[in-house]
């Protein structure tokens, strides 16, 4: 933007952080669904993912603050998680089960389960809280045994597998 500004093409209102693409139209390699109580852990995972994937292909809510500040956010999130993401990583816990927004995201995720698009979903758990719609036979990454660096590696492995399956 600095070059464009010096050439008189854009003015100082634009910044390098501004996103030119509407969130509803974006396609994500990874979308992260988590409760705020685990933000520090998930933020580290997101940071590591963005070191290996284009940052605009990782949906981490804080990276889209301006676009999420709108009415009908529930329907936008349904689209992001249910339609616009190649892999949805869910960070389950007692907090996830209780949070209103996580419950809304979980509805889109349950639809992924219902339609048997299993390769597009990765479950992780901070604890053993029962989450309605999940089963004891569902595979997951136990976050008590893995740090954010390992989890990011697991996610990148799934992204690569999904990319190879799609071709």
N, C-alpha and C. Protein backbone atom coordinates (compact mmCIF):
# COMPACT_ATOMS: atom_id res chain seq x y z
N UNK A 1 0.81 -1.19 0.00
CA UNK A 1 0.00 0.00 0.00
C UNK A 1 0.86 1.26 0.00
N UNK A 2 2.06 1.16 0.57
CA UNK A 2 2.95 2.32 0.57
C UNK A 2 3.29 2.78 -0.83
N UNK A 3 3.57 1.85 -1.73
CA UNK A 3 3.89 2.17 -3.13
C UNK A 3 2.67 2.76 -3.82
N UNK A 4 1.51 2.14 -3.59
CA UNK A 4 0.28 2.64 -4.20
C UNK A 4 -0.06 4.04 -3.68
N UNK A 5 0.18 4.27 -2.39
CA UNK A 5 -0.08 5.59 -1.81
C UNK A 5 0.86 6.63 -2.41
N UNK A 6 2.15 6.30 -2.52
CA UNK A 6 3.11 7.27 -3.08
C UNK A 6 2.82 7.57 -4.55
N UNK A 7 2.19 6.64 -5.25
CA UNK A 7 1.83 6.85 -6.65
C UNK A 7 0.49 7.58 -6.78
N UNK A 8 -0.17 7.85 -5.64
CA UNK A 8 -1.45 8.55 -5.66
C UNK A 8 -2.63 7.67 -6.04
N UNK A 9 -2.44 6.36 -6.05
CA UNK A 9 -3.52 5.44 -6.42
C UNK A 9 -4.48 5.21 -5.27
N UNK A 10 -3.95 5.12 -4.03
CA UNK A 10 -4.80 5.00 -2.84
C UNK A 10 -4.37 6.08 -1.86
N UNK A 11 -5.28 6.40 -0.93
CA UNK A 11 -4.91 7.39 0.08
C UNK A 11 -4.57 6.69 1.39
N UNK A 12 -4.25 7.45 2.41
CA UNK A 12 -3.80 6.91 3.69
C UNK A 12 -4.86 6.14 4.45
N UNK A 13 -6.11 6.15 3.98
CA UNK A 13 -7.18 5.43 4.67
C UNK A 13 -6.93 3.93 4.61
N UNK A 14 -6.31 3.46 3.55
CA UNK A 14 -6.06 2.04 3.39
C UNK A 14 -4.81 1.63 4.17
N UNK A 15 -4.82 0.43 4.64
CA UNK A 15 -3.63 -0.08 5.33
C UNK A 15 -3.35 -1.50 4.87
N UNK A 16 -2.19 -1.99 5.21
CA UNK A 16 -1.80 -3.35 4.82
C UNK A 16 -2.69 -4.40 5.47
N UNK A 17 -3.31 -4.06 6.60
CA UNK A 17 -4.16 -5.03 7.30
C UNK A 17 -5.57 -5.11 6.71
N UNK A 18 -5.95 -4.13 5.91
CA UNK A 18 -7.30 -4.12 5.34
C UNK A 18 -7.47 -5.30 4.39
N UNK A 19 -8.62 -5.91 4.41
CA UNK A 19 -8.91 -7.05 3.55
C UNK A 19 -9.85 -6.60 2.44
N UNK A 20 -9.46 -6.91 1.22
CA UNK A 20 -10.24 -6.48 0.06
C UNK A 20 -11.36 -7.45 -0.26
N UNK A 21 -11.32 -8.65 0.30
CA UNK A 21 -12.31 -9.67 -0.04
C UNK A 21 -13.32 -9.83 1.09
N UNK A 22 -14.59 -9.96 0.72
CA UNK A 22 -15.67 -10.14 1.67
C UNK A 22 -15.57 -11.52 2.31
N UNK A 23 -15.71 -11.59 3.60
CA UNK A 23 -15.60 -12.84 4.35
C UNK A 23 -16.55 -13.91 3.82
N UNK A 24 -17.72 -13.51 3.38
CA UNK A 24 -18.70 -14.48 2.85
C UNK A 24 -18.20 -15.19 1.60
N UNK A 25 -17.29 -14.56 0.88
CA UNK A 25 -16.79 -15.12 -0.37
C UNK A 25 -15.44 -15.83 -0.21
N UNK A 26 -14.83 -15.71 0.95
CA UNK A 26 -13.50 -16.29 1.15
C UNK A 26 -13.57 -17.80 1.32
N UNK A 27 -12.52 -18.46 0.89
CA UNK A 27 -12.37 -19.91 1.05
C UNK A 27 -11.22 -20.14 2.01
N UNK A 28 -11.45 -20.92 3.06
CA UNK A 28 -10.44 -21.16 4.07
C UNK A 28 -9.93 -22.59 4.01
N UNK A 29 -8.64 -22.74 4.17
CA UNK A 29 -8.05 -24.08 4.33
C UNK A 29 -8.41 -24.61 5.71
N UNK A 30 -8.40 -23.73 6.71
CA UNK A 30 -8.66 -24.10 8.10
C UNK A 30 -9.53 -23.04 8.76
N UNK A 31 -10.55 -23.48 9.50
CA UNK A 31 -11.34 -22.60 10.35
C UNK A 31 -11.28 -23.15 11.77
N UNK A 32 -11.06 -22.28 12.73
CA UNK A 32 -10.90 -22.69 14.12
C UNK A 32 -12.14 -22.30 14.92
N UNK A 33 -12.74 -23.28 15.61
CA UNK A 33 -13.92 -23.06 16.45
C UNK A 33 -13.53 -23.38 17.88
N UNK A 34 -13.68 -22.40 18.77
CA UNK A 34 -13.19 -22.56 20.15
C UNK A 34 -13.88 -21.56 21.07
N UNK A 35 -13.90 -21.86 22.38
CA UNK A 35 -14.42 -20.89 23.34
C UNK A 35 -13.31 -19.92 23.75
N UNK A 36 -13.70 -18.73 24.13
CA UNK A 36 -12.74 -17.70 24.51
C UNK A 36 -11.81 -18.10 25.65
N UNK A 37 -12.25 -19.00 26.50
CA UNK A 37 -11.41 -19.43 27.62
C UNK A 37 -10.11 -20.09 27.15
N UNK A 38 -10.08 -20.55 25.91
CA UNK A 38 -8.89 -21.20 25.37
C UNK A 38 -8.21 -20.36 24.29
N UNK A 39 -8.49 -19.06 24.28
CA UNK A 39 -7.99 -18.17 23.24
C UNK A 39 -6.46 -18.18 23.15
N UNK A 40 -5.76 -18.15 24.26
CA UNK A 40 -4.30 -18.09 24.22
C UNK A 40 -3.72 -19.31 23.49
N UNK A 41 -4.22 -20.49 23.80
CA UNK A 41 -3.75 -21.73 23.17
C UNK A 41 -4.06 -21.71 21.67
N UNK A 42 -5.31 -21.38 21.34
CA UNK A 42 -5.74 -21.39 19.94
C UNK A 42 -5.06 -20.27 19.15
N UNK A 43 -4.81 -19.13 19.77
CA UNK A 43 -4.10 -18.04 19.08
C UNK A 43 -2.71 -18.50 18.67
N UNK A 44 -2.06 -19.26 19.53
CA UNK A 44 -0.73 -19.78 19.19
C UNK A 44 -0.82 -20.75 18.03
N UNK A 45 -1.82 -21.63 18.03
CA UNK A 45 -2.03 -22.56 16.93
C UNK A 45 -2.25 -21.78 15.63
N UNK A 46 -3.11 -20.76 15.68
CA UNK A 46 -3.39 -19.94 14.49
C UNK A 46 -2.13 -19.26 13.98
N UNK A 47 -1.35 -18.73 14.89
CA UNK A 47 -0.09 -18.06 14.51
C UNK A 47 0.84 -19.04 13.79
N UNK A 48 0.95 -20.24 14.29
CA UNK A 48 1.81 -21.26 13.68
C UNK A 48 1.27 -21.68 12.31
N UNK A 49 -0.03 -21.82 12.20
CA UNK A 49 -0.63 -22.18 10.90
C UNK A 49 -0.34 -21.12 9.85
N UNK A 50 -0.43 -19.85 10.25
CA UNK A 50 -0.22 -18.75 9.31
C UNK A 50 1.24 -18.62 8.89
N UNK A 51 2.13 -19.30 9.57
CA UNK A 51 3.53 -19.34 9.14
C UNK A 51 3.72 -20.30 7.97
N UNK A 52 2.75 -21.20 7.77
CA UNK A 52 2.85 -22.22 6.72
C UNK A 52 1.77 -22.12 5.65
N UNK A 53 0.70 -21.44 5.96
CA UNK A 53 -0.41 -21.25 5.02
C UNK A 53 -0.61 -19.75 4.80
N UNK A 54 -1.12 -19.36 3.65
CA UNK A 54 -1.45 -17.94 3.49
C UNK A 54 -2.41 -17.50 4.60
N UNK A 55 -2.13 -16.37 5.23
CA UNK A 55 -2.91 -15.95 6.40
C UNK A 55 -4.40 -15.81 6.10
N UNK A 56 -4.76 -15.44 4.88
CA UNK A 56 -6.17 -15.30 4.53
C UNK A 56 -6.86 -16.64 4.29
N UNK A 57 -6.14 -17.75 4.48
CA UNK A 57 -6.76 -19.07 4.34
C UNK A 57 -6.97 -19.73 5.70
N UNK A 58 -6.68 -18.99 6.78
CA UNK A 58 -6.90 -19.48 8.14
C UNK A 58 -7.96 -18.58 8.77
N UNK A 59 -9.09 -19.17 9.18
CA UNK A 59 -10.12 -18.38 9.84
C UNK A 59 -9.90 -18.45 11.35
N UNK A 60 -9.41 -17.33 11.88
CA UNK A 60 -9.26 -17.11 13.31
C UNK A 60 -9.96 -15.79 13.57
N UNK A 61 -10.97 -15.78 14.42
CA UNK A 61 -11.88 -14.65 14.54
C UNK A 61 -11.21 -13.29 14.69
N UNK A 62 -10.17 -13.19 15.47
CA UNK A 62 -9.53 -11.89 15.70
C UNK A 62 -8.90 -11.30 14.44
N UNK A 63 -8.64 -12.13 13.44
CA UNK A 63 -8.09 -11.63 12.18
C UNK A 63 -9.17 -11.00 11.29
N UNK A 64 -10.43 -11.14 11.69
CA UNK A 64 -11.54 -10.65 10.87
C UNK A 64 -12.49 -9.78 11.70
N UNK A 65 -11.96 -9.06 12.65
CA UNK A 65 -12.78 -8.28 13.58
C UNK A 65 -13.71 -7.32 12.85
N UNK A 66 -13.21 -6.59 11.87
CA UNK A 66 -14.05 -5.61 11.16
C UNK A 66 -15.21 -6.30 10.44
N UNK A 67 -14.95 -7.43 9.81
CA UNK A 67 -16.00 -8.10 9.04
C UNK A 67 -16.99 -8.85 9.94
N UNK A 68 -16.59 -9.16 11.16
CA UNK A 68 -17.50 -9.86 12.08
C UNK A 68 -18.38 -8.90 12.87
N UNK A 69 -18.10 -7.61 12.79
CA UNK A 69 -18.88 -6.59 13.50
C UNK A 69 -20.08 -6.20 12.64
N UNK A 70 -21.12 -7.06 12.65
CA UNK A 70 -22.28 -6.84 11.78
C UNK A 70 -23.50 -7.59 12.30
N UNK A 71 -24.67 -7.16 11.87
CA UNK A 71 -25.88 -7.91 12.21
C UNK A 71 -25.86 -9.28 11.52
N UNK A 72 -26.62 -10.18 12.03
CA UNK A 72 -26.76 -11.52 11.46
C UNK A 72 -25.44 -12.28 11.40
N UNK A 73 -24.61 -12.06 12.40
CA UNK A 73 -23.33 -12.74 12.49
C UNK A 73 -23.52 -14.26 12.54
N UNK A 74 -24.62 -14.69 13.12
CA UNK A 74 -24.87 -16.14 13.22
C UNK A 74 -24.92 -16.79 11.84
N UNK A 75 -25.57 -16.17 10.88
CA UNK A 75 -25.66 -16.78 9.55
C UNK A 75 -24.32 -16.72 8.82
N UNK A 76 -23.55 -15.65 9.06
CA UNK A 76 -22.22 -15.56 8.46
C UNK A 76 -21.33 -16.69 8.99
N UNK A 77 -21.33 -16.91 10.29
CA UNK A 77 -20.50 -17.98 10.86
C UNK A 77 -20.95 -19.35 10.39
N UNK A 78 -22.25 -19.54 10.20
CA UNK A 78 -22.75 -20.81 9.66
C UNK A 78 -22.14 -21.06 8.29
N UNK A 79 -22.04 -20.00 7.48
CA UNK A 79 -21.47 -20.14 6.14
C UNK A 79 -19.96 -20.41 6.21
N UNK A 80 -19.26 -19.68 7.06
CA UNK A 80 -17.81 -19.88 7.19
C UNK A 80 -17.51 -21.32 7.59
N UNK A 81 -18.15 -21.80 8.64
CA UNK A 81 -17.85 -23.14 9.14
C UNK A 81 -18.49 -24.24 8.29
N UNK A 82 -19.70 -24.02 7.82
CA UNK A 82 -20.43 -25.07 7.12
C UNK A 82 -20.16 -25.20 5.64
N UNK A 83 -19.73 -24.11 5.00
CA UNK A 83 -19.59 -24.13 3.54
C UNK A 83 -18.23 -23.67 3.02
N UNK A 84 -17.60 -22.71 3.71
CA UNK A 84 -16.43 -22.04 3.14
C UNK A 84 -15.09 -22.54 3.67
N UNK A 85 -15.07 -23.65 4.38
CA UNK A 85 -13.82 -24.13 4.98
C UNK A 85 -13.54 -25.57 4.58
N UNK A 86 -12.29 -25.82 4.20
CA UNK A 86 -11.88 -27.17 3.83
C UNK A 86 -11.68 -28.06 5.05
N UNK A 87 -11.26 -27.48 6.16
CA UNK A 87 -11.06 -28.22 7.40
C UNK A 87 -11.50 -27.34 8.56
N UNK A 88 -12.43 -27.84 9.36
CA UNK A 88 -12.87 -27.14 10.56
C UNK A 88 -12.27 -27.87 11.76
N UNK A 89 -11.49 -27.14 12.54
CA UNK A 89 -10.87 -27.70 13.73
C UNK A 89 -11.65 -27.18 14.94
N UNK A 90 -12.18 -28.12 15.72
CA UNK A 90 -13.02 -27.78 16.86
C UNK A 90 -12.27 -28.09 18.15
N UNK A 91 -12.19 -27.09 19.02
CA UNK A 91 -11.50 -27.23 20.31
C UNK A 91 -12.57 -27.41 21.39
N UNK A 92 -12.92 -28.67 21.66
CA UNK A 92 -14.00 -29.00 22.59
C UNK A 92 -13.52 -28.95 24.03
N UNK A 93 -14.46 -28.55 24.91
CA UNK A 93 -14.19 -28.51 26.35
C UNK A 93 -15.49 -28.20 27.07
N UNK A 94 -15.43 -28.17 28.39
CA UNK A 94 -16.62 -27.79 29.16
C UNK A 94 -17.06 -26.39 28.78
N UNK A 95 -16.13 -25.51 28.45
CA UNK A 95 -16.47 -24.14 28.07
C UNK A 95 -17.15 -24.11 26.70
N UNK A 96 -16.68 -24.95 25.78
CA UNK A 96 -17.28 -25.01 24.44
C UNK A 96 -18.76 -25.39 24.56
N UNK A 97 -19.03 -26.35 25.40
CA UNK A 97 -20.39 -26.86 25.55
C UNK A 97 -21.33 -25.78 26.09
N UNK A 98 -20.82 -24.86 26.89
CA UNK A 98 -21.66 -23.86 27.55
C UNK A 98 -21.78 -22.55 26.78
N UNK A 99 -20.91 -22.27 25.86
CA UNK A 99 -20.87 -20.96 25.21
C UNK A 99 -21.90 -20.86 24.09
N UNK A 100 -22.62 -19.76 24.07
CA UNK A 100 -23.67 -19.53 23.07
C UNK A 100 -23.13 -19.58 21.65
N UNK A 101 -22.04 -18.86 21.37
CA UNK A 101 -21.53 -18.79 20.01
C UNK A 101 -20.94 -20.12 19.57
N UNK A 102 -20.30 -20.83 20.50
CA UNK A 102 -19.80 -22.16 20.16
C UNK A 102 -20.96 -23.08 19.80
N UNK A 103 -22.06 -22.96 20.51
CA UNK A 103 -23.25 -23.76 20.20
C UNK A 103 -23.76 -23.49 18.80
N UNK A 104 -23.70 -22.24 18.40
CA UNK A 104 -24.12 -21.88 17.05
C UNK A 104 -23.18 -22.49 16.01
N UNK A 105 -21.89 -22.39 16.25
CA UNK A 105 -20.90 -22.98 15.33
C UNK A 105 -21.06 -24.50 15.30
N UNK A 106 -21.33 -25.10 16.47
CA UNK A 106 -21.49 -26.55 16.58
C UNK A 106 -22.65 -27.04 15.71
N UNK A 107 -23.68 -26.22 15.51
CA UNK A 107 -24.79 -26.61 14.62
C UNK A 107 -24.28 -26.83 13.20
N UNK A 108 -23.45 -25.93 12.70
CA UNK A 108 -22.87 -26.10 11.35
C UNK A 108 -21.97 -27.32 11.32
N UNK A 109 -21.23 -27.54 12.39
CA UNK A 109 -20.32 -28.68 12.46
C UNK A 109 -21.10 -29.99 12.51
N UNK A 110 -22.20 -30.03 13.23
CA UNK A 110 -23.04 -31.24 13.26
C UNK A 110 -23.59 -31.54 11.88
N UNK A 111 -23.86 -30.52 11.09
CA UNK A 111 -24.32 -30.75 9.73
C UNK A 111 -23.22 -31.38 8.88
N UNK A 112 -21.97 -30.99 9.12
CA UNK A 112 -20.84 -31.63 8.43
C UNK A 112 -20.82 -33.12 8.78
N UNK A 113 -21.01 -33.43 10.05
CA UNK A 113 -21.05 -34.83 10.49
C UNK A 113 -22.21 -35.56 9.82
N UNK A 114 -23.37 -34.93 9.80
CA UNK A 114 -24.57 -35.54 9.20
C UNK A 114 -24.37 -35.87 7.73
N UNK A 115 -23.68 -35.00 7.02
CA UNK A 115 -23.48 -35.21 5.59
C UNK A 115 -22.27 -36.08 5.27
N UNK A 116 -21.63 -36.60 6.34
CA UNK A 116 -20.52 -37.56 6.23
C UNK A 116 -19.30 -37.00 5.50
N UNK A 117 -19.06 -35.73 5.69
CA UNK A 117 -17.85 -35.11 5.15
C UNK A 117 -16.77 -35.11 6.24
N UNK A 118 -16.49 -36.31 6.76
CA UNK A 118 -15.61 -36.47 7.91
C UNK A 118 -14.22 -35.87 7.70
N UNK A 119 -13.71 -35.93 6.49
CA UNK A 119 -12.36 -35.43 6.25
C UNK A 119 -12.26 -33.93 6.42
N UNK A 120 -13.40 -33.25 6.47
CA UNK A 120 -13.39 -31.79 6.62
C UNK A 120 -13.52 -31.36 8.08
N UNK A 121 -13.43 -32.31 9.00
CA UNK A 121 -13.61 -32.02 10.41
C UNK A 121 -12.49 -32.65 11.23
N UNK A 122 -11.94 -31.88 12.17
CA UNK A 122 -10.92 -32.39 13.08
C UNK A 122 -11.31 -31.98 14.50
N UNK A 123 -11.53 -32.99 15.34
CA UNK A 123 -11.91 -32.72 16.72
C UNK A 123 -10.69 -32.74 17.62
N UNK A 124 -10.65 -31.79 18.55
CA UNK A 124 -9.63 -31.77 19.59
C UNK A 124 -10.38 -31.58 20.91
N UNK A 125 -9.75 -32.01 22.01
CA UNK A 125 -10.42 -31.90 23.31
C UNK A 125 -9.45 -31.44 24.40
N UNK A 126 -9.92 -30.47 25.18
CA UNK A 126 -9.19 -30.05 26.38
C UNK A 126 -9.59 -30.91 27.57
N UNK A 127 -10.79 -31.50 27.53
CA UNK A 127 -11.28 -32.33 28.63
C UNK A 127 -12.31 -33.32 28.10
N UNK A 128 -12.93 -34.07 28.97
CA UNK A 128 -13.85 -35.14 28.56
C UNK A 128 -15.32 -34.76 28.69
N UNK A 129 -15.63 -33.49 28.69
CA UNK A 129 -17.01 -33.04 28.78
C UNK A 129 -17.85 -33.64 27.67
N UNK A 130 -19.04 -34.10 28.02
CA UNK A 130 -19.97 -34.62 27.02
C UNK A 130 -20.50 -33.45 26.18
N UNK A 131 -20.35 -33.58 24.88
CA UNK A 131 -20.84 -32.56 23.95
C UNK A 131 -21.98 -33.20 23.16
N UNK A 132 -23.22 -32.69 23.29
CA UNK A 132 -24.33 -33.28 22.54
C UNK A 132 -24.02 -33.31 21.04
N UNK A 133 -24.20 -34.47 20.44
CA UNK A 133 -23.91 -34.63 19.01
C UNK A 133 -22.56 -35.28 18.75
N UNK A 134 -21.74 -35.43 19.79
CA UNK A 134 -20.48 -36.15 19.63
C UNK A 134 -20.62 -37.50 20.34
N UNK A 135 -19.79 -38.45 19.94
CA UNK A 135 -19.89 -39.80 20.49
C UNK A 135 -18.53 -40.26 21.02
N UNK A 136 -18.56 -41.24 21.88
CA UNK A 136 -17.32 -41.77 22.46
C UNK A 136 -16.45 -42.43 21.40
N UNK A 137 -17.01 -42.78 20.27
CA UNK A 137 -16.24 -43.40 19.19
C UNK A 137 -15.60 -42.39 18.24
N UNK A 138 -15.87 -41.10 18.44
CA UNK A 138 -15.28 -40.06 17.60
C UNK A 138 -13.80 -39.89 17.95
N UNK A 139 -12.96 -39.89 16.94
CA UNK A 139 -11.54 -39.67 17.16
C UNK A 139 -11.25 -38.20 17.41
N UNK A 140 -10.26 -37.94 18.23
CA UNK A 140 -9.89 -36.57 18.54
C UNK A 140 -8.43 -36.50 18.99
N UNK A 141 -7.89 -35.29 18.98
CA UNK A 141 -6.56 -35.02 19.51
C UNK A 141 -6.75 -34.60 20.96
N UNK A 142 -6.08 -35.28 21.87
CA UNK A 142 -6.17 -34.96 23.30
C UNK A 142 -5.20 -33.82 23.60
N UNK A 143 -5.73 -32.64 23.85
CA UNK A 143 -4.91 -31.45 24.04
C UNK A 143 -4.17 -31.43 25.37
N UNK A 144 -4.52 -32.33 26.27
CA UNK A 144 -3.76 -32.45 27.52
C UNK A 144 -2.37 -33.02 27.23
N UNK A 145 -2.24 -33.71 26.10
CA UNK A 145 -0.99 -34.38 25.76
C UNK A 145 -0.21 -33.72 24.63
N UNK A 146 -0.73 -32.61 24.09
CA UNK A 146 -0.07 -31.99 22.93
C UNK A 146 -0.05 -30.47 23.07
N UNK A 147 1.10 -29.89 22.78
CA UNK A 147 1.24 -28.44 22.84
C UNK A 147 0.76 -27.82 21.52
N UNK A 148 0.62 -26.49 21.46
CA UNK A 148 0.13 -25.84 20.24
C UNK A 148 0.97 -26.14 19.00
N UNK A 149 2.27 -26.29 19.16
CA UNK A 149 3.14 -26.59 18.03
C UNK A 149 2.79 -27.95 17.42
N UNK A 150 2.58 -28.94 18.28
CA UNK A 150 2.21 -30.27 17.79
C UNK A 150 0.83 -30.25 17.14
N UNK A 151 -0.09 -29.53 17.75
CA UNK A 151 -1.45 -29.45 17.19
C UNK A 151 -1.42 -28.78 15.82
N UNK A 152 -0.65 -27.70 15.68
CA UNK A 152 -0.52 -27.04 14.38
C UNK A 152 0.04 -28.02 13.34
N UNK A 153 1.01 -28.83 13.72
CA UNK A 153 1.56 -29.84 12.81
C UNK A 153 0.50 -30.85 12.40
N UNK A 154 -0.32 -31.29 13.36
CA UNK A 154 -1.40 -32.24 13.05
C UNK A 154 -2.39 -31.62 12.05
N UNK A 155 -2.71 -30.36 12.27
CA UNK A 155 -3.65 -29.66 11.38
C UNK A 155 -3.05 -29.54 9.98
N UNK A 156 -1.79 -29.16 9.90
CA UNK A 156 -1.13 -29.05 8.59
C UNK A 156 -1.08 -30.39 7.88
N UNK A 157 -0.90 -31.47 8.63
CA UNK A 157 -0.93 -32.81 8.03
C UNK A 157 -2.30 -33.09 7.42
N UNK A 158 -3.36 -32.74 8.13
CA UNK A 158 -4.71 -32.94 7.60
C UNK A 158 -4.97 -32.07 6.39
N UNK A 159 -4.49 -30.83 6.40
CA UNK A 159 -4.65 -29.95 5.23
C UNK A 159 -3.99 -30.59 4.02
N UNK A 160 -2.79 -31.10 4.20
CA UNK A 160 -2.07 -31.75 3.10
C UNK A 160 -2.82 -32.99 2.62
N UNK A 161 -3.30 -33.80 3.54
CA UNK A 161 -4.08 -34.99 3.16
C UNK A 161 -5.34 -34.60 2.40
N UNK A 162 -6.04 -33.57 2.89
CA UNK A 162 -7.26 -33.12 2.20
C UNK A 162 -6.94 -32.59 0.81
N UNK A 163 -5.84 -31.84 0.68
CA UNK A 163 -5.43 -31.34 -0.63
C UNK A 163 -5.12 -32.48 -1.59
N UNK A 164 -4.44 -33.50 -1.10
CA UNK A 164 -4.09 -34.66 -1.93
C UNK A 164 -5.31 -35.48 -2.32
N UNK A 165 -6.31 -35.54 -1.44
CA UNK A 165 -7.55 -36.26 -1.72
C UNK A 165 -8.38 -35.54 -2.76
N UNK A 166 -8.33 -34.20 -2.73
CA UNK A 166 -9.14 -33.39 -3.65
C UNK A 166 -8.62 -33.44 -5.07
N UNK A 167 -7.36 -33.78 -5.27
CA UNK A 167 -6.80 -33.76 -6.64
C UNK A 167 -6.91 -35.10 -7.31
